[in-house]
Structures are given as structure tokens and as C-alpha cells.
Amino acid sequence: MADRRKYVIPGDVVTTGPFRPEQNVILDGNKIISTTIGISEIYDDSVRVIPLTGKYIPKINDLVIGKVNSHTSLSWELDINSCYVGFLPAQDVFGRDFSAHADELATKLKTGDLVAARIANFDRTRDPLVSISDRDLGKIDSGDLVEISPSKVPRLIGKKGSMIQMIEEATDAAITIGQNGWVVVSCESPEGLLKAKKAIQMVNEQAHVANLTDQVKEMLDKKGES
């Protein structure tokens, strides 16, 4: 395990001393300096920075889609498409009467399960705490996972929700968007499901295009195509 991790930008001094520079760092005298935006990790005798390009940076109250990686007797560990791991406390799921001895976490959530959760606590120095205690949060029982760049999420939502509303209405799909770039699409119609997923990927790939809304609408309006 790394000794310590912190958020760094180019030019930041990660550490000083007799360490071996590895990824995305340079040695300047006895200073080891970051060359990218990322999370620094100091191992036994080496230093590296894991770049954050394309990865999600948690923010408190963000809705995220997480995938269960593993669990201890007290919490689940969630992949949230970030260099950080989300921790979901068992008490959040079992309630106040949770007992680490009596309650088995795998009966509620197992590896590979998807959950909709909110970032409850985060300060960049440690992995975020997530919660599923609000309404409409918790295990996601059905739907296809679509992955987009977290930076494209605002474009997928659109002004006042216009883009995602248009996609949902045209396809009869229910779409849950995580701020971490993971999107779950559910639809009873296979054609609707395919069209909704295609529209989401269009937004991801063409977010820079000025008339994107018109292009997505045109694709959705086509009959019998997916």
C-alpha cells in the first residue's frame, strides 16, 4: 500500500529525499516534482503520480453509479470510475442495528452489483464515503451500463435536463446518470434500449458539436433503425 496520497498539479513538489522517480514526476535536486494533474503515491522507495485525465473527481452530494468490488465486515468497496474508491458503510444498508458478527454483507450486495449512491464525505486526502440512504438510491436491479467521460455529463443532461429528457421521451427508456460518467439505461423495448444507448454515445463523442441536439433528435426520429 502507498504511504500517502495527495492531489497534485504540474510543478507541485510531491516530496523530497532519496526516492526513485517513476511515472509523471521529475527529479530536481532532491525534490520530486509532478508533471501532471493527478494523485501522488509514495511507495517504499519510489514516487509516482497517477494522472486524472478522464477520471472522475468526487464532489460531496454528487450522484454516482458504483460497482461493488469487494467488502470487509464493515463496508463495501465501490469502483466509482475514479482514482479514488468509494466506501459504503454496512450500517447505511442494514440500519442502526447492524452487527458485524450477525449480518453478512454479501446477502445485500455482492461483487459486480451496481448501486446508485451519493458522495457523503470527501476531502481529497482519503477515499470518499458514499451513502444510499436517500430516496431513489440503492442497488440497481436492471439496466445496461454505458460509460462516458465524466466531463461530458453536463452535455448529456442538457440545459434544464433538456437533452436527457428528449432521449427518454423518444425511447421510453429510464436513464440514471452518475456524475462519474457511468449511466444506467433501462427499457422494455430492445429497439428503445439500443437507440437510447446510441444517443448517449453520440453525446459522448460529439459533445463539442454546436448542433448536437438536432443531430441526436434526427437519429431518434428515424423509424426502424438502431
Protein backbone atom coordinates (compact mmCIF):
# COMPACT_ATOMS: atom_id res chain seq x y z
CA MET A 1 0.00 0.00 0.00
CA ALA A 2 1.08 3.57 -0.59
CA ASP A 3 2.29 5.51 2.40
CA ARG A 4 0.39 8.65 1.48
CA ARG A 5 -1.59 10.08 -1.41
CA LYS A 6 -2.43 13.64 -2.29
CA TYR A 7 -3.84 15.68 -5.15
CA VAL A 8 -1.13 17.44 -7.19
CA ILE A 9 -0.83 19.67 -10.24
CA PRO A 10 2.18 20.24 -12.55
CA GLY A 11 5.03 21.91 -10.65
CA ASP A 12 3.93 20.70 -7.22
CA VAL A 13 6.66 19.22 -5.04
CA VAL A 14 5.43 15.72 -4.19
CA THR A 15 8.20 15.01 -1.70
CA THR A 16 11.89 15.44 -1.05
CA GLY A 17 14.53 12.92 -0.20
CA PRO A 18 16.11 9.72 -1.54
CA PHE A 19 13.14 8.45 -3.57
CA ARG A 20 13.19 6.99 -7.07
CA PRO A 21 11.02 8.97 -9.52
CA GLU A 22 8.74 6.71 -11.57
CA GLN A 23 5.65 7.88 -13.50
CA ASN A 24 4.77 11.53 -14.25
CA VAL A 25 7.39 13.02 -11.93
CA ILE A 26 10.85 14.54 -12.41
CA LEU A 27 13.80 14.87 -10.05
CA ASP A 28 15.02 18.44 -9.43
CA GLY A 29 17.88 18.40 -6.95
CA ASN A 30 16.37 16.46 -4.05
CA LYS A 31 12.80 17.49 -4.94
CA ILE A 32 10.43 15.22 -6.80
CA ILE A 33 8.04 17.33 -8.86
CA SER A 34 4.77 16.37 -10.55
CA THR A 35 4.45 16.83 -14.31
CA THR A 36 0.68 16.25 -14.49
CA ILE A 37 -2.62 16.65 -12.64
CA GLY A 38 -3.16 13.55 -10.57
CA ILE A 39 -2.80 11.68 -7.31
CA SER A 40 0.71 11.19 -5.97
CA GLU A 41 1.68 7.88 -4.42
CA ILE A 42 4.81 7.26 -2.37
CA TYR A 43 5.79 3.62 -2.12
CA ASP A 44 8.76 2.11 -0.27
CA ASP A 45 11.43 4.00 -2.20
CA SER A 46 9.61 5.31 -5.26
CA VAL A 47 7.21 8.10 -6.20
CA ARG A 48 4.65 8.28 -8.98
CA VAL A 49 1.63 10.35 -9.99
CA ILE A 50 -1.47 8.64 -11.35
CA PRO A 51 -2.97 11.01 -13.96
CA LEU A 52 -6.58 12.08 -13.56
CA THR A 53 -7.34 12.61 -17.23
CA GLY A 54 -10.76 11.19 -17.97
CA LYS A 55 -11.29 10.10 -14.39
CA TYR A 56 -13.94 11.35 -12.02
CA ILE A 57 -13.03 13.61 -9.09
CA PRO A 58 -15.64 13.12 -6.33
CA LYS A 59 -17.66 16.06 -5.03
CA ILE A 60 -19.92 15.97 -1.97
CA ASN A 61 -23.60 15.34 -2.88
CA ASP A 62 -22.77 14.07 -6.38
CA LEU A 63 -24.94 11.19 -7.55
CA VAL A 64 -22.68 8.38 -8.76
CA ILE A 65 -23.11 4.88 -10.12
CA GLY A 66 -20.78 2.47 -8.33
CA LYS A 67 -19.84 -1.15 -8.91
CA VAL A 68 -19.16 -3.37 -5.89
CA ASN A 69 -15.53 -4.53 -5.93
CA SER A 70 -15.30 -6.24 -2.54
CA HIS A 71 -16.31 -5.90 1.08
CA THR A 72 -14.95 -6.15 4.59
CA SER A 73 -17.07 -6.93 7.66
CA LEU A 74 -17.95 -3.24 7.95
CA SER A 75 -18.22 -1.78 4.44
CA TRP A 76 -18.35 -2.33 0.69
CA GLU A 77 -15.67 -1.01 -1.64
CA LEU A 78 -17.09 0.55 -4.83
CA ASP A 79 -15.46 1.29 -8.16
CA ILE A 80 -16.71 4.81 -9.00
CA ASN A 81 -14.65 5.40 -12.18
CA SER A 82 -12.12 7.39 -10.19
CA CYS A 83 -8.61 7.08 -8.83
CA TYR A 84 -10.44 7.00 -5.51
CA VAL A 85 -12.52 4.11 -4.20
CA GLY A 86 -15.96 4.69 -2.72
CA PHE A 87 -16.68 3.21 0.70
CA LEU A 88 -20.28 2.32 1.55
CA PRO A 89 -20.71 1.61 5.29
CA ALA A 90 -22.70 -1.51 6.14
CA GLN A 91 -24.76 0.47 8.64
CA ASP A 92 -26.04 2.59 5.74
CA VAL A 93 -27.65 -0.53 4.26
CA PHE A 94 -28.53 -2.67 7.31
CA GLY A 95 -29.56 0.24 9.55
CA ARG A 96 -28.58 1.17 13.08
CA ASP A 97 -28.98 -2.38 14.35
CA PHE A 98 -26.17 -3.62 12.09
CA SER A 99 -23.91 -6.21 13.71
CA ALA A 100 -20.60 -7.14 12.09
CA HIS A 101 -20.91 -10.58 13.67
CA ALA A 102 -24.53 -11.37 12.79
CA ASP A 103 -25.01 -9.63 9.42
CA GLU A 104 -23.36 -10.93 6.26
CA LEU A 105 -22.76 -8.13 3.76
CA ALA A 106 -22.95 -10.40 0.71
CA THR A 107 -26.65 -11.02 1.41
CA LYS A 108 -27.35 -7.38 0.48
CA LEU A 109 -24.72 -6.50 -2.14
CA LYS A 110 -22.25 -8.76 -3.87
CA THR A 111 -19.28 -8.25 -6.18
CA GLY A 112 -20.36 -6.83 -9.53
CA ASP A 113 -23.63 -5.31 -8.29
CA LEU A 114 -24.36 -1.74 -9.37
CA VAL A 115 -25.61 0.87 -6.93
CA ALA A 116 -26.80 4.46 -7.20
CA ALA A 117 -25.19 6.42 -4.37
CA ARG A 118 -24.30 9.91 -3.22
CA ILE A 119 -20.87 11.17 -2.19
CA ALA A 120 -21.41 11.84 1.53
CA ASN A 121 -17.93 12.92 2.54
CA PHE A 122 -14.72 13.64 0.65
CA ASP A 123 -11.65 15.85 1.12
CA ARG A 124 -9.09 14.57 -1.46
CA THR A 125 -6.80 13.16 1.26
CA ARG A 126 -8.77 9.94 1.64
CA ASP A 127 -11.22 7.82 -0.29
CA PRO A 128 -14.80 9.14 -0.28
CA LEU A 129 -17.64 7.87 1.88
CA VAL A 130 -20.81 7.16 -0.08
CA SER A 131 -24.41 6.77 1.06
CA ILE A 132 -27.53 5.10 -0.33
CA SER A 133 -29.89 6.35 2.40
CA ASP A 134 -31.75 8.88 0.23
CA ARG A 135 -34.84 8.12 -1.85
CA ASP A 136 -34.14 6.53 -5.28
CA LEU A 137 -30.70 5.34 -4.19
CA GLY A 138 -29.51 1.78 -3.63
CA LYS A 139 -28.98 -1.38 -5.63
CA ILE A 140 -29.73 -1.15 -9.35
CA ASP A 141 -31.57 -4.34 -10.27
CA SER A 142 -31.75 -3.95 -14.05
CA GLY A 143 -30.39 -1.93 -16.94
CA ASP A 144 -27.34 -1.62 -19.17
CA LEU A 145 -24.26 0.28 -18.04
CA VAL A 146 -22.95 2.87 -20.52
CA GLU A 147 -19.65 4.59 -19.80
CA ILE A 148 -18.96 8.16 -20.92
CA SER A 149 -16.38 10.77 -19.99
CA PRO A 150 -17.34 12.50 -16.71
CA SER A 151 -16.66 15.83 -18.44
CA LYS A 152 -19.48 15.10 -20.93
CA VAL A 153 -22.15 14.53 -18.24
CA PRO A 154 -23.43 18.16 -18.29
CA ARG A 155 -23.88 17.90 -22.07
CA LEU A 156 -25.81 14.64 -21.69
CA ILE A 157 -28.12 16.24 -19.12
CA GLY A 158 -28.53 19.40 -21.23
CA LYS A 159 -29.90 22.78 -20.21
CA LYS A 160 -32.54 22.20 -17.53
CA GLY A 161 -32.41 18.49 -18.35
CA SER A 162 -33.44 19.03 -21.98
CA MET A 163 -31.13 16.52 -23.67
CA ILE A 164 -31.77 13.57 -21.37
CA GLN A 165 -35.50 14.31 -21.31
CA MET A 166 -35.58 14.24 -25.12
CA ILE A 167 -33.78 10.87 -25.20
CA GLU A 168 -36.05 9.36 -22.53
CA GLU A 169 -39.25 10.55 -24.20
CA ALA A 170 -38.20 9.32 -27.65
CA THR A 171 -37.17 5.85 -26.46
CA ASP A 172 -39.37 5.21 -23.37
CA ALA A 173 -36.13 4.47 -21.52
CA ALA A 174 -35.38 5.24 -17.88
CA ILE A 175 -31.88 6.69 -17.61
CA THR A 176 -29.88 7.21 -14.42
CA ILE A 177 -26.83 9.46 -14.89
CA GLY A 178 -23.92 9.31 -12.48
CA GLN A 179 -21.71 12.39 -12.28
CA ASN A 180 -18.83 9.90 -12.54
CA GLY A 181 -19.70 9.19 -16.19
CA TRP A 182 -21.49 5.90 -15.60
CA VAL A 183 -25.03 5.81 -16.96
CA VAL A 184 -27.62 3.05 -16.48
CA VAL A 185 -30.27 2.63 -19.19
CA SER A 186 -33.42 0.54 -18.71
CA CYS A 187 -36.05 -0.01 -21.41
CA GLU A 188 -38.68 -2.66 -22.06
CA SER A 189 -38.21 -2.32 -25.81
CA PRO A 190 -34.93 -3.66 -27.26
CA GLU A 191 -35.12 -1.05 -30.03
CA GLY A 192 -35.63 1.74 -27.49
CA LEU A 193 -32.70 0.49 -25.45
CA LEU A 194 -30.39 0.46 -28.46
CA LYS A 195 -31.48 3.94 -29.56
CA ALA A 196 -31.04 5.39 -26.08
CA LYS A 197 -27.54 3.90 -25.80
CA LYS A 198 -26.66 5.16 -29.27
CA ALA A 199 -27.86 8.67 -28.36
CA ILE A 200 -25.76 8.67 -25.18
CA GLN A 201 -22.67 7.61 -27.13
CA MET A 202 -23.36 10.33 -29.72
CA VAL A 203 -23.31 12.94 -26.96
CA ASN A 204 -20.11 11.46 -25.55
CA GLU A 205 -18.32 11.50 -28.91
CA GLN A 206 -19.73 14.75 -30.31
CA ALA A 207 -20.18 16.94 -27.24
CA HIS A 208 -18.23 19.73 -28.98
CA VAL A 209 -20.63 19.90 -31.96
CA ALA A 210 -22.82 23.05 -31.99
CA ASN A 211 -25.99 21.45 -33.38
CA LEU A 212 -25.69 18.24 -31.38
CA THR A 213 -29.27 18.39 -30.07
CA ASP A 214 -30.63 18.48 -33.65
CA GLN A 215 -28.42 15.55 -34.68
CA VAL A 216 -29.50 13.43 -31.73
CA LYS A 217 -33.16 14.29 -32.38
CA GLU A 218 -32.80 13.35 -36.06
CA MET A 219 -31.30 9.96 -35.10
CA LEU A 220 -34.03 9.33 -32.54
CA ASP A 221 -36.80 10.27 -35.01
CA LYS A 222 -35.67 7.67 -37.56
CA LYS A 223 -38.04 4.71 -37.56
CA GLY A 224 -36.89 1.12 -37.56
CA GLU A 225 -33.20 1.95 -37.10
CA SER A 226 -30.89 1.46 -34.19
